[in-house]
């Protein structure tokens, strides 16, 4: 398959107080055997009280395809709709 044949994919992930798991999630998605410019990783950050936001911001600074949207309610369905 040629690179131009790959469709763009978006991963939408609601996250609230996920500091124990969010870095592994990001590493897994960033290491996919898929063209990097065709992968979009979107987090709906749900007003976490742990280091989730800090970890996401660190990755978003280094990777253009990682985006963070605010989900002040922390509600999963609302987070998906925000993204």
PDB file of N, CA and C in Angstrom:
ATOM      1  N   UNK A   1       0.838  -1.174   0.000  1.00  0.00           N
ATOM      2  CA  UNK A   1       0.000   0.000   0.000  1.00  0.00           C
ATOM      3  C   UNK A   1       0.887   1.243   0.000  1.00  0.00           C
ATOM      4  N   UNK A   2       0.612   2.167  -0.895  1.00  0.00           N
ATOM      5  CA  UNK A   2       1.370   3.419  -0.940  1.00  0.00           C
ATOM      6  C   UNK A   2       0.885   4.349   0.166  1.00  0.00           C
ATOM      7  N   UNK A   3       1.761   5.239   0.605  1.00  0.00           N
ATOM      8  CA  UNK A   3       1.427   6.138   1.706  1.00  0.00           C
ATOM      9  C   UNK A   3       0.165   6.944   1.418  1.00  0.00           C
ATOM     10  N   UNK A   4      -0.019   7.385   0.188  1.00  0.00           N
ATOM     11  CA  UNK A   4      -1.204   8.156  -0.161  1.00  0.00           C
ATOM     12  C   UNK A   4      -2.492   7.364  -0.080  1.00  0.00           C
ATOM     13  N   UNK A   5      -2.387   6.033  -0.039  1.00  0.00           N
ATOM     14  CA  UNK A   5      -3.565   5.171   0.026  1.00  0.00           C
ATOM     15  C   UNK A   5      -4.114   5.015   1.443  1.00  0.00           C
ATOM     16  N   UNK A   6      -3.344   5.396   2.431  1.00  0.00           N
ATOM     17  CA  UNK A   6      -3.785   5.236   3.816  1.00  0.00           C
ATOM     18  C   UNK A   6      -4.791   6.329   4.174  1.00  0.00           C
ATOM     19  N   UNK A   7      -5.936   5.972   4.756  1.00  0.00           N
ATOM     20  CA  UNK A   7      -6.868   7.010   5.205  1.00  0.00           C
ATOM     21  C   UNK A   7      -6.360   7.657   6.488  1.00  0.00           C
ATOM     22  N   UNK A   8      -6.817   8.861   6.741  1.00  0.00           N
ATOM     23  CA  UNK A   8      -6.491   9.532   7.995  1.00  0.00           C
ATOM     24  C   UNK A   8      -7.329   8.892   9.097  1.00  0.00           C
ATOM     25  N   UNK A   9      -6.719   8.653  10.244  1.00  0.00           N
ATOM     26  CA  UNK A   9      -7.433   8.082  11.383  1.00  0.00           C
ATOM     27  C   UNK A   9      -7.308   9.020  12.578  1.00  0.00           C
ATOM     28  N   UNK A  10      -8.373   9.106  13.344  1.00  0.00           N
ATOM     29  CA  UNK A  10      -8.394   9.932  14.554  1.00  0.00           C
ATOM     30  C   UNK A  10      -8.756   9.051  15.736  1.00  0.00           C
ATOM     31  N   UNK A  11      -7.974   9.161  16.784  1.00  0.00           N
ATOM     32  CA  UNK A  11      -8.262   8.484  18.041  1.00  0.00           C
ATOM     33  C   UNK A  11      -8.762   9.548  19.007  1.00  0.00           C
ATOM     34  N   UNK A  12      -9.981   9.392  19.502  1.00  0.00           N
ATOM     35  CA  UNK A  12     -10.567  10.349  20.443  1.00  0.00           C
ATOM     36  C   UNK A  12     -10.648   9.655  21.794  1.00  0.00           C
ATOM     37  N   UNK A  13      -9.947  10.229  22.774  1.00  0.00           N
ATOM     38  CA  UNK A  13      -9.787   9.565  24.061  1.00  0.00           C
ATOM     39  C   UNK A  13     -10.191  10.495  25.200  1.00  0.00           C
ATOM     40  N   UNK A  14     -11.315  10.221  25.858  1.00  0.00           N
ATOM     41  CA  UNK A  14     -11.647  10.972  27.067  1.00  0.00           C
ATOM     42  C   UNK A  14     -10.685  10.544  28.185  1.00  0.00           C
ATOM     43  N   UNK A  15     -10.162  11.495  28.929  1.00  0.00           N
ATOM     44  CA  UNK A  15      -9.192  11.166  29.978  1.00  0.00           C
ATOM     45  C   UNK A  15      -9.419  12.042  31.200  1.00  0.00           C
ATOM     46  N   UNK A  16      -9.576  11.397  32.333  1.00  0.00           N
ATOM     47  CA  UNK A  16      -9.696  12.113  33.607  1.00  0.00           C
ATOM     48  C   UNK A  16      -8.974  11.290  34.669  1.00  0.00           C
ATOM     49  N   UNK A  17      -7.980  11.897  35.286  1.00  0.00           N
ATOM     50  CA  UNK A  17      -7.179  11.232  36.323  1.00  0.00           C
ATOM     51  C   UNK A  17      -6.609   9.899  35.822  1.00  0.00           C
ATOM     52  N   UNK A  18      -5.920   9.962  34.703  1.00  0.00           N
ATOM     53  CA  UNK A  18      -5.352   8.774  34.063  1.00  0.00           C
ATOM     54  C   UNK A  18      -3.828   8.800  34.035  1.00  0.00           C
ATOM     55  N   UNK A  19      -3.200   9.489  34.978  1.00  0.00           N
ATOM     56  CA  UNK A  19      -1.745   9.630  34.922  1.00  0.00           C
ATOM     57  C   UNK A  19      -1.021   8.284  34.914  1.00  0.00           C
ATOM     58  N   UNK A  20      -1.592   7.255  35.492  1.00  0.00           N
ATOM     59  CA  UNK A  20      -0.939   5.945  35.526  1.00  0.00           C
ATOM     60  C   UNK A  20      -0.941   5.261  34.158  1.00  0.00           C
ATOM     61  N   UNK A  21      -1.876   5.646  33.283  1.00  0.00           N
ATOM     62  CA  UNK A  21      -2.059   4.926  32.024  1.00  0.00           C
ATOM     63  C   UNK A  21      -1.859   5.767  30.766  1.00  0.00           C
ATOM     64  N   UNK A  22      -1.966   7.089  30.881  1.00  0.00           N
ATOM     65  CA  UNK A  22      -2.006   7.933  29.689  1.00  0.00           C
ATOM     66  C   UNK A  22      -0.694   7.905  28.905  1.00  0.00           C
ATOM     67  N   UNK A  23       0.425   7.803  29.582  1.00  0.00           N
ATOM     68  CA  UNK A  23       1.700   7.780  28.863  1.00  0.00           C
ATOM     69  C   UNK A  23       1.853   6.492  28.050  1.00  0.00           C
ATOM     70  N   UNK A  24       1.459   5.359  28.615  1.00  0.00           N
ATOM     71  CA  UNK A  24       1.496   4.098  27.867  1.00  0.00           C
ATOM     72  C   UNK A  24       0.565   4.160  26.661  1.00  0.00           C
ATOM     73  N   UNK A  25      -0.588   4.764  26.845  1.00  0.00           N
ATOM     74  CA  UNK A  25      -1.541   4.936  25.746  1.00  0.00           C
ATOM     75  C   UNK A  25      -0.913   5.758  24.626  1.00  0.00           C
ATOM     76  N   UNK A  26      -0.318   6.881  24.980  1.00  0.00           N
ATOM     77  CA  UNK A  26       0.328   7.745  23.987  1.00  0.00           C
ATOM     78  C   UNK A  26       1.470   7.024  23.280  1.00  0.00           C
ATOM     79  N   UNK A  27       2.310   6.352  24.033  1.00  0.00           N
ATOM     80  CA  UNK A  27       3.438   5.630  23.435  1.00  0.00           C
ATOM     81  C   UNK A  27       2.945   4.569  22.454  1.00  0.00           C
ATOM     82  N   UNK A  28       1.897   3.885  22.825  1.00  0.00           N
ATOM     83  CA  UNK A  28       1.341   2.855  21.953  1.00  0.00           C
ATOM     84  C   UNK A  28       0.823   3.452  20.648  1.00  0.00           C
ATOM     85  N   UNK A  29       0.074   4.540  20.749  1.00  0.00           N
ATOM     86  CA  UNK A  29      -0.481   5.173  19.549  1.00  0.00           C
ATOM     87  C   UNK A  29       0.603   5.805  18.684  1.00  0.00           C
ATOM     88  N   UNK A  30       1.607   6.395  19.305  1.00  0.00           N
ATOM     89  CA  UNK A  30       2.679   7.032  18.546  1.00  0.00           C
ATOM     90  C   UNK A  30       3.609   6.020  17.877  1.00  0.00           C
ATOM     91  N   UNK A  31       3.585   4.785  18.328  1.00  0.00           N
ATOM     92  CA  UNK A  31       4.463   3.770  17.740  1.00  0.00           C
ATOM     93  C   UNK A  31       3.745   2.871  16.733  1.00  0.00           C
ATOM     94  N   UNK A  32       2.528   3.228  16.368  1.00  0.00           N
ATOM     95  CA  UNK A  32       1.794   2.437  15.376  1.00  0.00           C
ATOM     96  C   UNK A  32       2.557   2.367  14.059  1.00  0.00           C
ATOM     97  N   UNK A  33       2.439   1.252  13.389  1.00  0.00           N
ATOM     98  CA  UNK A  33       3.037   1.090  12.065  1.00  0.00           C
ATOM     99  C   UNK A  33       2.060   1.676  11.041  1.00  0.00           C
ATOM    100  N   UNK A  34       1.994   2.995  11.027  1.00  0.00           N
ATOM    101  CA  UNK A  34       1.043   3.737  10.197  1.00  0.00           C
ATOM    102  C   UNK A  34       1.675   5.100   9.935  1.00  0.00           C
ATOM    103  N   UNK A  35       1.465   5.690   8.769  1.00  0.00           N
ATOM    104  CA  UNK A  35       2.088   6.995   8.492  1.00  0.00           C
ATOM    105  C   UNK A  35       1.704   8.038   9.550  1.00  0.00           C
ATOM    106  N   UNK A  36       2.710   8.630  10.182  1.00  0.00           N
ATOM    107  CA  UNK A  36       2.481   9.581  11.280  1.00  0.00           C
ATOM    108  C   UNK A  36       1.589  10.751  10.875  1.00  0.00           C
ATOM    109  N   UNK A  37       1.736  11.231   9.644  1.00  0.00           N
ATOM    110  CA  UNK A  37       0.933  12.380   9.200  1.00  0.00           C
ATOM    111  C   UNK A  37      -0.527  12.002   8.949  1.00  0.00           C
ATOM    112  N   UNK A  38      -0.849  10.721   9.051  1.00  0.00           N
ATOM    113  CA  UNK A  38      -2.228  10.261   8.861  1.00  0.00           C
ATOM    114  C   UNK A  38      -2.903   9.911  10.189  1.00  0.00           C
ATOM    115  N   UNK A  39      -2.188  10.121  11.302  1.00  0.00           N
ATOM    116  CA  UNK A  39      -2.712   9.773  12.625  1.00  0.00           C
ATOM    117  C   UNK A  39      -2.934  11.039  13.437  1.00  0.00           C
ATOM    118  N   UNK A  40      -4.134  11.171  13.985  1.00  0.00           N
ATOM    119  CA  UNK A  40      -4.493  12.294  14.854  1.00  0.00           C
ATOM    120  C   UNK A  40      -4.917  11.704  16.201  1.00  0.00           C
ATOM    121  N   UNK A  41      -4.305  12.188  17.279  1.00  0.00           N
ATOM    122  CA  UNK A  41      -4.601  11.697  18.623  1.00  0.00           C
ATOM    123  C   UNK A  41      -5.200  12.854  19.411  1.00  0.00           C
ATOM    124  N   UNK A  42      -6.467  12.713  19.775  1.00  0.00           N
ATOM    125  CA  UNK A  42      -7.203  13.799  20.422  1.00  0.00           C
ATOM    126  C   UNK A  42      -7.646  13.347  21.811  1.00  0.00           C
ATOM    127  N   UNK A  43      -7.276  14.131  22.806  1.00  0.00           N
ATOM    128  CA  UNK A  43      -7.698  13.851  24.174  1.00  0.00           C
ATOM    129  C   UNK A  43      -8.714  14.887  24.630  1.00  0.00           C
ATOM    130  N   UNK A  44      -9.787  14.423  25.247  1.00  0.00           N
ATOM    131  CA  UNK A  44     -10.734  15.291  25.935  1.00  0.00           C
ATOM    132  C   UNK A  44     -10.357  15.201  27.413  1.00  0.00           C
ATOM    133  N   UNK A  45      -9.590  16.177  27.881  1.00  0.00           N
ATOM    134  CA  UNK A  45      -9.049  16.152  29.245  1.00  0.00           C
ATOM    135  C   UNK A  45     -10.116  16.649  30.208  1.00  0.00           C
ATOM    136  N   UNK A  46     -10.499  15.797  31.146  1.00  0.00           N
ATOM    137  CA  UNK A  46     -11.654  16.033  32.004  1.00  0.00           C
ATOM    138  C   UNK A  46     -11.369  16.652  33.346  1.00  0.00           C
ATOM    139  N   UNK A  47     -10.580  17.738  33.379  1.00  0.00           N
ATOM    140  CA  UNK A  47     -10.362  18.458  34.633  1.00  0.00           C
ATOM    141  C   UNK A  47      -9.698  17.563  35.685  1.00  0.00           C
ATOM    142  N   UNK A  48      -8.661  16.870  35.291  1.00  0.00           N
ATOM    143  CA  UNK A  48      -7.977  15.918  36.174  1.00  0.00           C
ATOM    144  C   UNK A  48      -7.342  16.610  37.370  1.00  0.00           C
ATOM    145  N   UNK A  49      -7.294  15.884  38.488  1.00  0.00           N
ATOM    146  CA  UNK A  49      -6.637  16.408  39.689  1.00  0.00           C
ATOM    147  C   UNK A  49      -5.248  15.792  39.871  1.00  0.00           C
ATOM    148  N   UNK A  50      -4.859  14.918  38.964  1.00  0.00           N
ATOM    149  CA  UNK A  50      -3.518  14.336  39.019  1.00  0.00           C
ATOM    150  C   UNK A  50      -2.648  14.953  37.915  1.00  0.00           C
ATOM    151  N   UNK A  51      -1.647  14.262  37.433  1.00  0.00           N
ATOM    152  CA  UNK A  51      -0.711  14.797  36.440  1.00  0.00           C
ATOM    153  C   UNK A  51      -1.114  14.500  34.993  1.00  0.00           C
ATOM    154  N   UNK A  52      -2.333  14.052  34.764  1.00  0.00           N
ATOM    155  CA  UNK A  52      -2.769  13.714  33.406  1.00  0.00           C
ATOM    156  C   UNK A  52      -2.555  14.873  32.448  1.00  0.00           C
ATOM    157  N   UNK A  53      -3.030  16.051  32.803  1.00  0.00           N
ATOM    158  CA  UNK A  53      -2.912  17.221  31.923  1.00  0.00           C
ATOM    159  C   UNK A  53      -1.445  17.542  31.624  1.00  0.00           C
ATOM    160  N   UNK A  54      -0.617  17.505  32.638  1.00  0.00           N
ATOM    161  CA  UNK A  54       0.815  17.797  32.478  1.00  0.00           C
ATOM    162  C   UNK A  54       1.464  16.831  31.480  1.00  0.00           C
ATOM    163  N   UNK A  55       1.158  15.562  31.588  1.00  0.00           N
ATOM    164  CA  UNK A  55       1.713  14.557  30.680  1.00  0.00           C
ATOM    165  C   UNK A  55       1.228  14.802  29.258  1.00  0.00           C
ATOM    166  N   UNK A  56      -0.064  15.059  29.099  1.00  0.00           N
ATOM    167  CA  UNK A  56      -0.617  15.325  27.771  1.00  0.00           C
ATOM    168  C   UNK A  56       0.023  16.558  27.137  1.00  0.00           C
ATOM    169  N   UNK A  57       0.191  17.606  27.916  1.00  0.00           N
ATOM    170  CA  UNK A  57       0.796  18.836  27.383  1.00  0.00           C
ATOM    171  C   UNK A  57       2.234  18.600  26.935  1.00  0.00           C
ATOM    172  N   UNK A  58       2.960  17.805  27.687  1.00  0.00           N
ATOM    173  CA  UNK A  58       4.345  17.492  27.319  1.00  0.00           C
ATOM    174  C   UNK A  58       4.396  16.782  25.959  1.00  0.00           C
ATOM    175  N   UNK A  59       3.508  15.836  25.758  1.00  0.00           N
ATOM    176  CA  UNK A  59       3.470  15.122  24.473  1.00  0.00           C
ATOM    177  C   UNK A  59       2.968  16.025  23.354  1.00  0.00           C
ATOM    178  N   UNK A  60       1.976  16.851  23.630  1.00  0.00           N
ATOM    179  CA  UNK A  60       1.426  17.747  22.604  1.00  0.00           C
ATOM    180  C   UNK A  60       2.475  18.744  22.121  1.00  0.00           C
ATOM    181  N   UNK A  61       3.374  19.150  23.008  1.00  0.00           N
ATOM    182  CA  UNK A  61       4.455  20.068  22.617  1.00  0.00           C
ATOM    183  C   UNK A  61       5.437  19.410  21.655  1.00  0.00           C
ATOM    184  N   UNK A  62       5.638  18.120  21.810  1.00  0.00           N
ATOM    185  CA  UNK A  62       6.630  17.402  20.992  1.00  0.00           C
ATOM    186  C   UNK A  62       6.044  16.733  19.752  1.00  0.00           C
ATOM    187  N   UNK A  63       4.729  16.545  19.732  1.00  0.00           N
ATOM    188  CA  UNK A  63       4.092  15.822  18.622  1.00  0.00           C
ATOM    189  C   UNK A  63       2.917  16.645  18.092  1.00  0.00           C
ATOM    190  N   UNK A  64       3.027  17.074  16.847  1.00  0.00           N
ATOM    191  CA  UNK A  64       1.985  17.910  16.239  1.00  0.00           C
ATOM    192  C   UNK A  64       0.640  17.207  16.115  1.00  0.00           C
ATOM    193  N   UNK A  65       0.644  15.893  16.117  1.00  0.00           N
ATOM    194  CA  UNK A  65      -0.605  15.161  15.929  1.00  0.00           C
ATOM    195  C   UNK A  65      -1.322  14.836  17.244  1.00  0.00           C
ATOM    196  N   UNK A  66      -0.802  15.318  18.372  1.00  0.00           N
ATOM    197  CA  UNK A  66      -1.463  15.143  19.670  1.00  0.00           C
ATOM    198  C   UNK A  66      -2.148  16.449  20.036  1.00  0.00           C
ATOM    199  N   UNK A  67      -3.465  16.388  20.226  1.00  0.00           N
ATOM    200  CA  UNK A  67      -4.272  17.573  20.550  1.00  0.00           C
ATOM    201  C   UNK A  67      -4.994  17.352  21.877  1.00  0.00           C
ATOM    202  N   UNK A  68      -5.212  18.451  22.591  1.00  0.00           N
ATOM    203  CA  UNK A  68      -5.925  18.393  23.870  1.00  0.00           C
ATOM    204  C   UNK A  68      -7.099  19.360  23.813  1.00  0.00           C
ATOM    205  N   UNK A  69      -8.275  18.859  24.164  1.00  0.00           N
ATOM    206  CA  UNK A  69      -9.459  19.698  24.298  1.00  0.00           C
ATOM    207  C   UNK A  69      -9.914  19.629  25.746  1.00  0.00           C
ATOM    208  N   UNK A  70     -10.425  20.730  26.253  1.00  0.00           N
ATOM    209  CA  UNK A  70     -10.912  20.771  27.633  1.00  0.00           C
ATOM    210  C   UNK A  70     -12.315  20.191  27.719  1.00  0.00           C
ATOM    211  N   UNK A  71     -12.502  19.320  28.694  1.00  0.00           N
ATOM    212  CA  UNK A  71     -13.804  18.747  29.002  1.00  0.00           C
ATOM    213  C   UNK A  71     -14.054  18.992  30.490  1.00  0.00           C
ATOM    214  N   UNK A  72     -14.509  20.188  30.851  1.00  0.00           N
ATOM    215  CA  UNK A  72     -14.627  20.539  32.265  1.00  0.00           C
ATOM    216  C   UNK A  72     -15.592  19.659  33.052  1.00  0.00           C
ATOM    217  N   UNK A  73     -16.503  18.969  32.379  1.00  0.00           N
ATOM    218  CA  UNK A  73     -17.460  18.117  33.090  1.00  0.00           C
ATOM    219  C   UNK A  73     -16.852  16.781  33.485  1.00  0.00           C
ATOM    220  N   UNK A  74     -15.838  16.327  32.735  1.00  0.00           N
ATOM    221  CA  UNK A  74     -15.270  15.012  32.984  1.00  0.00           C
ATOM    222  C   UNK A  74     -16.146  13.884  32.474  1.00  0.00           C
ATOM    223  N   UNK A  75     -17.273  14.213  31.862  1.00  0.00           N
ATOM    224  CA  UNK A  75     -18.214  13.225  31.339  1.00  0.00           C
ATOM    225  C   UNK A  75     -17.693  12.672  30.013  1.00  0.00           C
ATOM    226  N   UNK A  76     -17.652  11.355  29.886  1.00  0.00           N
ATOM    227  CA  UNK A  76     -17.098  10.713  28.693  1.00  0.00           C
ATOM    228  C   UNK A  76     -17.838  11.102  27.425  1.00  0.00           C
ATOM    229  N   UNK A  77     -19.158  11.015  27.423  1.00  0.00           N
ATOM    230  CA  UNK A  77     -19.939  11.334  26.218  1.00  0.00           C
ATOM    231  C   UNK A  77     -19.755  12.794  25.813  1.00  0.00           C
ATOM    232  N   UNK A  78     -19.783  13.686  26.774  1.00  0.00           N
ATOM    233  CA  UNK A  78     -19.585  15.109  26.474  1.00  0.00           C
ATOM    234  C   UNK A  78     -18.173  15.329  25.933  1.00  0.00           C
ATOM    235  N   UNK A  79     -17.200  14.642  26.498  1.00  0.00           N
ATOM    236  CA  UNK A  79     -15.822  14.752  26.018  1.00  0.00           C
ATOM    237  C   UNK A  79     -15.689  14.354  24.562  1.00  0.00           C
ATOM    238  N   UNK A  80     -16.351  13.280  24.177  1.00  0.00           N
ATOM    239  CA  UNK A  80     -16.311  12.856  22.768  1.00  0.00           C
ATOM    240  C   UNK A  80     -16.956  13.899  21.872  1.00  0.00           C
ATOM    241  N   UNK A  81     -18.060  14.463  22.322  1.00  0.00           N
ATOM    242  CA  UNK A  81     -18.749  15.484  21.519  1.00  0.00           C
ATOM    243  C   UNK A  81     -17.914  16.754  21.380  1.00  0.00           C
ATOM    244  N   UNK A  82     -17.183  17.113  22.407  1.00  0.00           N
ATOM    245  CA  UNK A  82     -16.330  18.302  22.358  1.00  0.00           C
ATOM    246  C   UNK A  82     -15.270  18.144  21.274  1.00  0.00           C
ATOM    247  N   UNK A  83     -14.731  16.943  21.169  1.00  0.00           N
ATOM    248  CA  UNK A  83     -13.673  16.688  20.178  1.00  0.00           C
ATOM    249  C   UNK A  83     -14.240  16.642  18.786  1.00  0.00           C
TER     250      UNK A  83
END
